[in-house]
Amino acid sequence: MQQALTLYSYWRSSAAYRVRIGLNLKGLDYAIVPVHLVRDGGQQHAPAYAALNPQELVPALRDGDRVLTQSLAILEYLEETHPQPALLPADAAGRARVRALAQLVACDIHPLNNLRVLQFFDQEWNVPQAERDEWILHWMRTGFAAMEASLAASAQGGRFCHGDAPGLADCCLVPQLYNARRFHLDMEAFPTLRRIEAACLALPAFDAARPENQPDAA
């Protein structure tokens, strides 16, 4: 019998949110172990969790005796171990396009507004809140503008980022749009992103992964 998957997650972490969507799209059963990123100085820094994930970040996914880290690596692992339904297109060019869109979010937007970056600004450099907020909004606008242009101009679009089935890029886009709304980013300039988000959130796999639907939601 296959051992159950365990996801170490924080309800509002966009990286963990990506993985929850992927697990749900794959129809996989998993248990959630909450890791509160703020309480007790950040439970991700506790010795037991640091032994599990030396980066002291969420998510981490336990599959039997194997522990996986980094959300995109976890999603690619799920794609290889549970190929259907697919998160990546069948053709090489399509896979490259979807990975580029996913990385635009996960590598170029998200790290610049990650909790540990904002905590460093506050605790080490005493950056005022208004300036921290403008930093966040600037990099979100920049990244979303590029993504909007890429998606709006592509003939490979559809209901979702690539065609008419949700995939890896959608797993990354929806959590980042959730973050954008948390910080009150004006989304009027991004109609394609909003259209895709609405199509995604109408699906049970995305709805179940929403932060407010998690067992540790504050």
Protein backbone atom coordinates (compact mmCIF):
# COMPACT_ATOMS: atom_id res chain seq x y z
CA MET A 1 0.00 0.00 0.00
CA GLN A 2 1.31 3.44 -0.89
CA GLN A 3 2.06 5.60 2.11
CA ALA A 4 0.11 8.80 2.43
CA LEU A 5 1.57 12.10 1.31
CA THR A 6 2.16 14.73 3.99
CA LEU A 7 2.37 18.40 3.11
CA TYR A 8 4.04 20.81 5.52
CA SER A 9 2.15 23.97 4.77
CA TYR A 10 1.17 27.43 5.97
CA TRP A 11 -2.29 28.56 4.98
CA ARG A 12 -1.16 31.89 3.50
CA SER A 13 2.10 30.75 1.90
CA SER A 14 1.76 31.13 -1.87
CA ALA A 15 4.42 28.45 -2.43
CA ALA A 16 2.45 25.96 -0.33
CA TYR A 17 -0.74 27.11 -2.06
CA ARG A 18 0.81 26.12 -5.44
CA VAL A 19 1.50 22.63 -4.20
CA ARG A 20 -1.97 22.22 -2.69
CA ILE A 21 -3.45 23.07 -6.09
CA GLY A 22 -1.18 20.57 -7.82
CA LEU A 23 -2.02 17.80 -5.37
CA ASN A 24 -5.73 18.52 -5.79
CA LEU A 25 -5.53 18.57 -9.59
CA LYS A 26 -3.80 15.20 -9.46
CA GLY A 27 -6.54 13.87 -7.18
CA LEU A 28 -4.02 12.80 -4.54
CA ASP A 29 -4.84 12.25 -0.88
CA TYR A 30 -2.58 14.12 1.50
CA ALA A 31 -2.43 15.22 5.10
CA ILE A 32 -1.49 18.76 6.07
CA VAL A 33 0.89 19.53 8.90
CA PRO A 34 0.64 23.28 9.61
CA VAL A 35 3.87 25.23 10.06
CA HIS A 36 3.02 28.73 11.27
CA LEU A 37 5.48 31.18 9.74
CA VAL A 38 4.93 33.93 12.33
CA ARG A 39 3.87 32.29 15.60
CA ASP A 40 6.58 31.44 18.15
CA GLY A 41 9.12 33.39 16.13
CA GLY A 42 8.31 31.27 13.09
CA GLN A 43 7.75 27.54 13.54
CA GLN A 44 9.78 26.91 10.39
CA HIS A 45 12.87 27.75 12.46
CA ALA A 46 12.19 25.07 15.08
CA PRO A 47 14.92 22.40 15.19
CA ALA A 48 12.57 19.57 14.21
CA TYR A 49 11.40 21.35 11.08
CA ALA A 50 14.87 22.66 10.22
CA ALA A 51 16.07 19.04 10.27
CA LEU A 52 13.34 18.22 7.75
CA ASN A 53 14.01 21.25 5.53
CA PRO A 54 17.33 23.02 6.20
CA GLN A 55 16.12 26.08 4.26
CA GLU A 56 13.46 26.55 6.95
CA LEU A 57 10.80 27.31 4.34
CA VAL A 58 7.45 25.83 3.38
CA PRO A 59 6.32 23.77 1.66
CA ALA A 60 7.91 20.41 2.21
CA LEU A 61 6.29 17.20 0.99
CA ARG A 62 6.90 13.83 2.61
CA ASP A 63 6.31 10.84 0.36
CA GLY A 64 7.10 7.74 2.40
CA ASP A 65 10.71 8.10 3.54
CA ARG A 66 11.42 10.84 0.97
CA VAL A 67 11.18 14.55 1.79
CA LEU A 68 10.93 17.02 -1.08
CA THR A 69 11.34 20.78 -0.93
CA GLN A 70 10.88 23.77 -3.27
CA SER A 71 7.39 24.11 -4.71
CA LEU A 72 8.30 23.84 -8.40
CA ALA A 73 10.46 20.80 -7.77
CA ILE A 74 7.61 19.20 -5.82
CA LEU A 75 5.15 19.90 -8.63
CA GLU A 76 7.53 18.43 -11.21
CA TYR A 77 7.96 15.37 -8.96
CA LEU A 78 4.20 14.93 -8.79
CA GLU A 79 4.04 15.25 -12.58
CA GLU A 80 6.61 12.49 -13.04
CA THR A 81 5.22 10.14 -10.40
CA HIS A 82 1.52 10.74 -11.19
CA PRO A 83 1.45 11.75 -14.88
CA GLN A 84 -2.31 12.10 -15.22
CA PRO A 85 -3.93 14.52 -15.33
CA ALA A 86 -0.94 16.34 -16.75
CA LEU A 87 0.32 19.68 -15.48
CA LEU A 88 2.64 20.08 -18.47
CA PRO A 89 1.89 19.89 -22.22
CA ALA A 90 2.98 16.88 -24.27
CA ASP A 91 5.26 18.87 -26.60
CA ALA A 92 8.67 20.29 -25.69
CA ALA A 93 7.86 23.84 -26.82
CA GLY A 94 4.64 23.85 -24.80
CA ARG A 95 6.44 22.55 -21.71
CA ALA A 96 9.08 25.27 -22.06
CA ARG A 97 6.37 27.95 -22.36
CA VAL A 98 4.49 26.73 -19.30
CA ARG A 99 7.68 26.44 -17.24
CA ALA A 100 8.66 29.98 -18.26
CA LEU A 101 5.29 31.33 -17.09
CA ALA A 102 5.55 29.40 -13.82
CA GLN A 103 9.08 30.65 -13.22
CA LEU A 104 8.08 34.22 -13.99
CA VAL A 105 5.92 34.00 -10.89
CA ALA A 106 7.94 31.67 -8.69
CA CYS A 107 11.40 33.04 -9.46
CA ASP A 108 10.88 36.68 -10.44
CA ILE A 109 7.81 37.96 -8.56
CA HIS A 110 7.36 35.86 -5.44
CA PRO A 111 10.90 35.94 -3.94
CA LEU A 112 10.89 39.74 -3.87
CA ASN A 113 7.82 39.88 -1.63
CA ASN A 114 8.51 36.78 0.44
CA LEU A 115 8.01 37.02 4.21
CA ARG A 116 11.70 36.66 5.03
CA VAL A 117 12.61 39.51 2.66
CA LEU A 118 10.02 41.79 4.25
CA GLN A 119 11.16 40.79 7.74
CA PHE A 120 14.75 41.65 6.81
CA PHE A 121 13.67 45.08 5.56
CA ASP A 122 11.87 45.66 8.84
CA GLN A 123 14.23 44.13 11.38
CA GLU A 124 17.63 44.85 9.84
CA TRP A 125 17.14 48.02 7.78
CA ASN A 126 14.10 49.58 9.51
CA VAL A 127 12.46 50.25 6.15
CA PRO A 128 9.15 52.08 6.74
CA GLN A 129 5.97 50.14 6.01
CA ALA A 130 4.94 52.46 3.17
CA GLU A 131 8.24 51.84 1.39
CA ARG A 132 8.00 48.09 1.92
CA ASP A 133 4.51 48.14 0.43
CA GLU A 134 5.69 50.08 -2.61
CA TRP A 135 8.52 47.57 -3.10
CA ILE A 136 6.00 44.74 -3.11
CA LEU A 137 3.60 46.47 -5.49
CA HIS A 138 6.35 47.56 -7.90
CA TRP A 139 7.63 44.03 -8.48
CA MET A 140 4.14 42.58 -8.71
CA ARG A 141 3.12 45.18 -11.32
CA THR A 142 6.29 44.56 -13.31
CA GLY A 143 5.88 40.80 -13.32
CA PHE A 144 2.15 40.82 -13.97
CA ALA A 145 2.57 43.26 -16.86
CA ALA A 146 5.01 40.87 -18.53
CA MET A 147 2.76 37.89 -17.89
CA GLU A 148 -0.33 39.71 -19.15
CA ALA A 149 1.48 40.66 -22.36
CA SER A 150 2.77 37.12 -22.88
CA LEU A 151 -0.60 35.49 -22.33
CA ALA A 152 -2.66 38.03 -24.27
CA ALA A 153 -0.42 37.79 -27.34
CA SER A 154 -0.08 34.00 -27.47
CA ALA A 155 -2.02 31.74 -29.80
CA GLN A 156 -1.48 28.94 -27.27
CA GLY A 157 -3.83 30.47 -24.76
CA GLY A 158 -7.27 29.20 -23.91
CA ARG A 159 -9.36 29.14 -20.77
CA PHE A 160 -6.16 28.75 -18.78
CA CYS A 161 -2.53 29.83 -19.13
CA HIS A 162 -1.91 27.16 -21.77
CA GLY A 163 -4.90 25.69 -23.56
CA ASP A 164 -8.13 24.58 -21.99
CA ALA A 165 -6.84 22.56 -19.04
CA PRO A 166 -5.17 23.96 -15.92
CA GLY A 167 -1.50 23.26 -15.43
CA LEU A 168 1.74 24.25 -13.77
CA ALA A 169 1.53 27.93 -14.71
CA ASP A 170 -1.98 28.23 -13.29
CA CYS A 171 -0.79 26.61 -10.04
CA CYS A 172 1.65 29.51 -9.71
CA LEU A 173 -0.49 32.36 -11.02
CA VAL A 174 -3.53 32.00 -8.76
CA PRO A 175 -1.63 32.16 -5.43
CA GLN A 176 0.32 35.21 -6.60
CA LEU A 177 -2.92 36.98 -7.50
CA TYR A 178 -4.17 36.18 -4.00
CA ASN A 179 -1.04 37.90 -2.66
CA ALA A 180 -1.62 40.87 -4.94
CA ARG A 181 -5.07 41.40 -3.50
CA ARG A 182 -3.73 41.14 0.03
CA PHE A 183 -1.53 44.13 -0.76
CA HIS A 184 -4.34 45.99 -2.59
CA LEU A 185 -2.76 45.95 -6.03
CA ASP A 186 -5.07 47.48 -8.65
CA MET A 187 -5.73 44.58 -11.05
CA GLU A 188 -7.56 46.60 -13.72
CA ALA A 189 -4.58 46.47 -16.12
CA PHE A 190 -4.51 42.65 -16.15
CA PRO A 191 -7.76 41.40 -17.72
CA THR A 192 -6.25 38.17 -19.06
CA LEU A 193 -4.85 37.22 -15.67
CA ARG A 194 -8.19 37.96 -14.03
CA ARG A 195 -10.07 35.90 -16.62
CA ILE A 196 -7.77 32.91 -16.10
CA GLU A 197 -7.99 33.28 -12.33
CA ALA A 198 -11.80 33.16 -12.47
CA ALA A 199 -11.72 30.01 -14.60
CA CYS A 200 -9.32 28.38 -12.14
CA LEU A 201 -11.19 29.29 -8.99
CA ALA A 202 -14.39 27.83 -10.44
CA LEU A 203 -12.72 24.40 -10.25
CA PRO A 204 -12.96 22.34 -7.02
CA ALA A 205 -9.19 21.66 -7.00
CA PHE A 206 -8.43 25.38 -6.81
CA ASP A 207 -11.29 26.20 -4.47
CA ALA A 208 -10.21 23.56 -1.93
CA ALA A 209 -6.66 24.94 -2.00
CA ARG A 210 -7.68 28.52 -1.15
CA PRO A 211 -5.96 29.87 1.98
CA GLU A 212 -9.25 30.47 3.79
CA ASN A 213 -10.19 26.81 3.30
CA GLN A 214 -7.12 25.45 5.11
CA PRO A 215 -7.27 23.84 8.56
CA ASP A 216 -4.80 26.36 9.98
CA ALA A 217 -6.45 29.48 8.50
CA ALA A 218 -6.36 32.30 11.03
